[in-house]
Protein backbone atom coordinates (compact mmCIF):
# COMPACT_ATOMS: atom_id res chain seq x y z
CA MET A 1 -14.81 13.57 12.88
CA SER A 2 -13.14 13.72 9.46
CA THR A 3 -15.18 14.55 6.65
CA PHE A 4 -15.72 11.74 4.29
CA GLU A 5 -17.17 12.49 0.44
CA GLY A 6 -16.52 9.26 -1.25
CA ILE A 7 -13.81 7.33 -2.83
CA PRO A 8 -13.47 8.36 -6.63
CA VAL A 9 -13.45 4.80 -7.67
CA ALA A 10 -13.20 5.25 -11.31
CA THR A 11 -10.10 7.42 -11.03
CA ALA A 12 -8.45 4.98 -8.55
CA ALA A 13 -9.12 2.10 -10.78
CA ALA A 14 -7.62 3.74 -13.77
CA PHE A 15 -4.62 4.59 -11.56
CA TYR A 16 -3.87 1.11 -10.66
CA ALA A 17 -4.92 -0.06 -14.25
CA GLU A 18 -1.89 2.44 -15.72
CA LEU A 19 0.43 1.22 -12.64
CA GLU A 20 0.26 -2.37 -13.59
CA GLU A 21 1.66 -1.21 -17.06
CA ASN A 22 4.11 1.44 -15.89
CA ASN A 23 5.43 0.16 -12.30
CA THR A 24 8.29 2.43 -11.99
CA ARG A 25 9.39 4.95 -9.36
CA ASP A 26 9.22 7.65 -12.32
CA TRP A 27 5.79 6.94 -13.10
CA TRP A 28 4.66 6.86 -9.70
CA GLN A 29 6.40 10.22 -8.57
CA ALA A 30 4.62 11.84 -11.82
CA HIS A 31 1.00 10.50 -10.65
CA SER A 32 1.66 10.65 -6.64
CA THR A 33 -0.77 13.49 -6.41
CA VAL A 34 -3.49 11.14 -7.92
CA TYR A 35 -2.69 8.66 -5.47
CA GLN A 36 -2.96 10.92 -2.51
CA GLU A 37 -6.15 12.54 -3.53
CA SER A 38 -8.03 9.50 -5.04
CA VAL A 39 -6.79 6.85 -2.92
CA LYS A 40 -4.84 7.55 0.41
CA GLU A 41 -6.80 10.73 1.59
CA PRO A 42 -10.47 9.33 1.00
CA LEU A 43 -9.43 6.09 2.41
CA THR A 44 -7.93 7.93 5.66
CA ALA A 45 -10.92 9.89 5.88
CA LEU A 46 -13.70 6.56 5.44
CA LEU A 47 -11.62 4.52 7.99
CA ALA A 48 -11.58 7.32 10.57
CA ARG A 49 -15.55 7.54 10.37
CA LEU A 50 -15.92 3.61 10.82
CA GLU A 51 -13.27 3.60 13.59
CA PRO A 52 -15.91 3.57 16.32
CA GLN A 53 -17.81 0.52 15.22
CA PHE A 54 -14.82 -1.34 13.50
CA GLY A 55 -11.65 -0.28 15.45
CA PRO A 56 -8.54 1.64 14.70
CA SER A 57 -7.08 1.15 11.16
CA LYS A 58 -4.17 0.92 9.17
CA ILE A 59 -3.52 1.88 5.66
CA PHE A 60 -0.57 -0.31 4.05
CA ARG A 61 2.19 0.80 2.68
CA PRO A 62 1.93 1.22 -1.34
CA ASN A 63 5.68 0.18 -1.64
CA ARG A 64 6.59 -3.55 -2.26
CA ASP A 65 9.17 -5.25 -0.11
CA ILE A 66 11.35 -6.56 -3.06
CA ARG A 67 14.37 -7.73 -1.10
CA PHE A 68 13.85 -11.26 -1.58
CA SER A 69 11.83 -11.19 -4.68
CA GLN A 70 12.57 -11.79 -8.34
CA ASP A 71 9.91 -9.26 -9.37
CA LYS A 72 11.65 -5.75 -8.87
CA SER A 73 8.45 -3.88 -9.32
CA PRO A 74 8.58 -1.23 -6.50
CA TYR A 75 4.79 -0.59 -6.04
CA LYS A 76 1.89 -2.71 -5.07
CA THR A 77 -1.01 -2.96 -7.53
CA ALA A 78 -3.65 -2.56 -4.92
CA GLN A 79 -4.15 -0.21 -2.07
CA GLY A 80 -5.19 -2.32 1.38
CA ALA A 81 -6.30 -1.33 4.72
CA PHE A 82 -7.24 -3.25 7.86
CA ALA A 83 -9.29 -2.17 10.73
CA SER A 84 -9.44 -4.19 14.10
CA PHE A 85 -10.01 -4.26 17.81
CA GLN A 86 -7.72 -7.39 18.21
CA GLU A 87 -4.42 -8.30 16.77
CA GLY A 88 -4.61 -10.09 13.50
CA VAL A 89 -8.71 -10.26 13.48
CA GLY A 90 -10.71 -7.62 11.88
CA TYR A 91 -12.06 -5.87 8.42
CA TYR A 92 -10.28 -5.41 5.09
CA LEU A 93 -10.62 -3.08 2.31
CA GLN A 94 -9.14 -2.99 -0.90
CA LEU A 95 -8.70 -0.92 -4.17
CA SER A 96 -7.33 -1.99 -7.31
CA ALA A 97 -7.86 -1.46 -11.04
CA ASP A 98 -10.93 -4.24 -10.42
CA GLY A 99 -12.47 -1.88 -7.83
CA LEU A 100 -13.43 -2.44 -4.43
CA LEU A 101 -13.20 -5.66 -2.55
CA VAL A 102 -14.61 -5.82 1.04
CA GLY A 103 -13.62 -8.39 3.64
CA GLY A 104 -12.90 -9.73 7.12
CA GLY A 105 -11.65 -12.66 9.29
CA TYR A 106 -8.37 -14.14 10.66
CA HIS A 107 -5.08 -13.83 9.22
CA SER A 108 -2.44 -14.42 11.77
CA HIS A 109 -1.74 -17.99 13.13
CA SER A 110 1.05 -18.78 15.65
CA PRO A 111 0.89 -22.43 16.65
CA ALA A 112 -0.79 -21.74 19.83
CA GLN A 113 -3.53 -19.62 17.92
CA LEU A 114 -3.97 -22.55 15.53
CA ALA A 115 -4.25 -25.06 18.36
CA ARG A 116 -6.99 -23.01 19.97
CA TYR A 117 -8.73 -22.60 16.61
CA ARG A 118 -8.69 -26.14 15.91
CA ASN A 119 -10.12 -27.11 19.19
CA SER A 120 -12.63 -24.69 19.18
CA VAL A 121 -13.74 -26.10 15.43
CA ASP A 122 -13.72 -29.70 17.03
CA ALA A 123 -15.73 -28.70 19.93
CA THR A 124 -19.49 -29.19 19.03
CA GLY A 125 -20.67 -26.13 20.54
CA THR A 126 -18.16 -23.50 19.18
CA GLY A 127 -17.90 -25.68 16.14
CA GLN A 128 -21.46 -25.98 14.81
CA GLN A 129 -21.69 -22.09 15.47
CA LEU A 130 -18.88 -21.15 13.48
CA GLN A 131 -20.29 -23.61 10.71
CA HIS A 132 -23.59 -21.99 10.95
CA ILE A 133 -21.64 -18.26 10.58
CA VAL A 134 -19.67 -19.54 7.71
CA ASP A 135 -22.81 -20.96 6.01
CA ALA A 136 -24.73 -17.59 6.51
CA ILE A 137 -21.61 -15.55 4.94
CA ALA A 138 -21.49 -17.57 2.12
CA ALA A 139 -25.22 -17.37 1.44
CA ALA A 140 -24.94 -13.77 1.76
CA GLY A 141 -22.60 -13.74 -1.29
CA PHE A 142 -19.10 -13.68 0.38
CA THR A 143 -16.38 -16.05 -0.75
CA VAL A 144 -15.01 -18.00 2.15
CA GLU A 145 -11.26 -18.42 2.09
CA GLY A 146 -8.03 -18.60 3.63
CA GLU A 147 -4.78 -20.54 3.96
CA LYS A 148 -5.81 -24.46 4.17
CA LEU A 149 -4.04 -27.77 4.58
CA LYS A 150 -4.99 -30.32 1.65
CA THR A 151 -6.05 -32.89 4.34
CA VAL A 152 -7.56 -32.72 7.83
CA PRO A 153 -4.80 -32.14 10.22
CA ARG A 154 -3.21 -34.83 12.20
CA GLY A 155 -5.15 -35.96 15.39
CA PHE A 156 -8.66 -35.25 14.19
CA PRO A 157 -10.45 -37.91 12.05
CA ARG A 158 -10.77 -37.78 8.26
CA GLU A 159 -14.60 -37.86 8.41
CA HIS A 160 -15.05 -35.01 10.81
CA PRO A 161 -18.28 -33.18 10.65
CA ARG A 162 -16.27 -30.02 10.05
CA ALA A 163 -13.58 -31.24 8.21
CA GLU A 164 -13.31 -28.43 5.94
CA LEU A 165 -13.17 -25.88 8.56
CA LEU A 166 -10.09 -27.85 10.38
CA LYS A 167 -8.32 -27.57 7.48
CA HIS A 168 -8.17 -23.60 7.78
CA LYS A 169 -4.87 -22.11 9.04
CA SER A 170 -6.56 -18.66 8.38
CA LEU A 171 -10.32 -17.88 7.88
CA SER A 172 -11.45 -15.06 6.20
CA ALA A 173 -14.43 -13.99 3.85
CA SER A 174 -14.65 -11.38 1.05
CA VAL A 175 -16.70 -9.80 -1.94
CA ALA A 176 -15.43 -8.18 -4.88
CA LEU A 177 -17.81 -5.37 -5.66
CA GLY A 178 -16.23 -3.72 -8.77
CA GLN A 179 -17.08 -0.12 -9.00
CA PRO A 180 -20.58 0.58 -7.34
CA ASP A 181 -21.92 4.19 -7.87
CA TRP A 182 -22.34 4.46 -4.12
CA LEU A 183 -18.46 4.22 -3.49
CA SER A 184 -18.07 7.69 -4.99
CA SER A 185 -20.51 9.26 -2.62
CA PRO A 186 -20.72 9.73 1.16
CA ASP A 187 -23.02 6.82 1.14
CA ALA A 188 -19.98 4.45 0.96
CA GLU A 189 -19.68 4.83 4.74
CA ASP A 190 -22.94 3.17 5.28
CA GLU A 191 -22.58 0.65 2.58
CA ILE A 192 -19.14 -0.62 3.75
CA ALA A 193 -20.51 -0.64 7.48
CA ARG A 194 -23.17 -2.90 6.40
CA LEU A 195 -20.97 -5.19 4.51
CA TRP A 196 -18.64 -5.17 7.31
CA ASP A 197 -21.78 -6.06 9.82
CA LYS A 198 -22.32 -9.21 7.98
CA LEU A 199 -18.90 -10.30 8.57
CA ARG A 200 -18.95 -9.29 12.32
CA PRO A 201 -20.13 -12.72 13.42
CA LEU A 202 -17.03 -14.36 11.81
CA VAL A 203 -14.85 -11.83 13.35
CA ASP A 204 -16.19 -12.01 16.73
CA TRP A 205 -16.03 -15.75 16.78
CA VAL A 206 -12.14 -15.95 15.57
CA GLY A 207 -11.80 -13.18 18.17
CA ARG A 208 -13.07 -15.26 21.04
CA ASN A 209 -11.82 -18.66 19.89
CA ALA A 210 -8.70 -18.38 17.91
CA ALA A 211 -7.04 -15.05 18.43
CA PRO A 212 -4.74 -14.12 21.48
């Protein structure tokens, strides 16, 4: 199993703060060693350690897709990674100039998946279960988020007891942690696992009731 010694978060955050001001290929190439050593390599080692508990992971490409964007900046100003046992459902990490963000939930929503999600929210048993999960996650300090409609979807009463959950087209939760001291040490593995464990009830629920 890969050795993980921590993520040098101050260096990683400084890298992304400078990238925000110098988003060019020349700057990136001149600082690519910092990216490899302070962002990509430690993240890869961390995710390998967490894989048995949270699933295979992928680190997103640092390059932006600028084909259809007016913003031609070539690089993302944050590095994201996703661990999952199931398509579209899992656990998220992000490093940026602001430090570390940890999250998890459900991000893909085909029409069939969205119909399954809404029917499960509408049903008393599964719907109440999700409401309890979301309330507990919010109480633990996570921000519950996701793409939402402005109104309750057609076919459900406006006064539905879980109206806000029905508005969701995707459902996730995250917490911004900044630059905690433990992130630069091997303790980061246990701390992130602890945070992802708090999100496990949400990930498991959407995995059973919304995902393919």
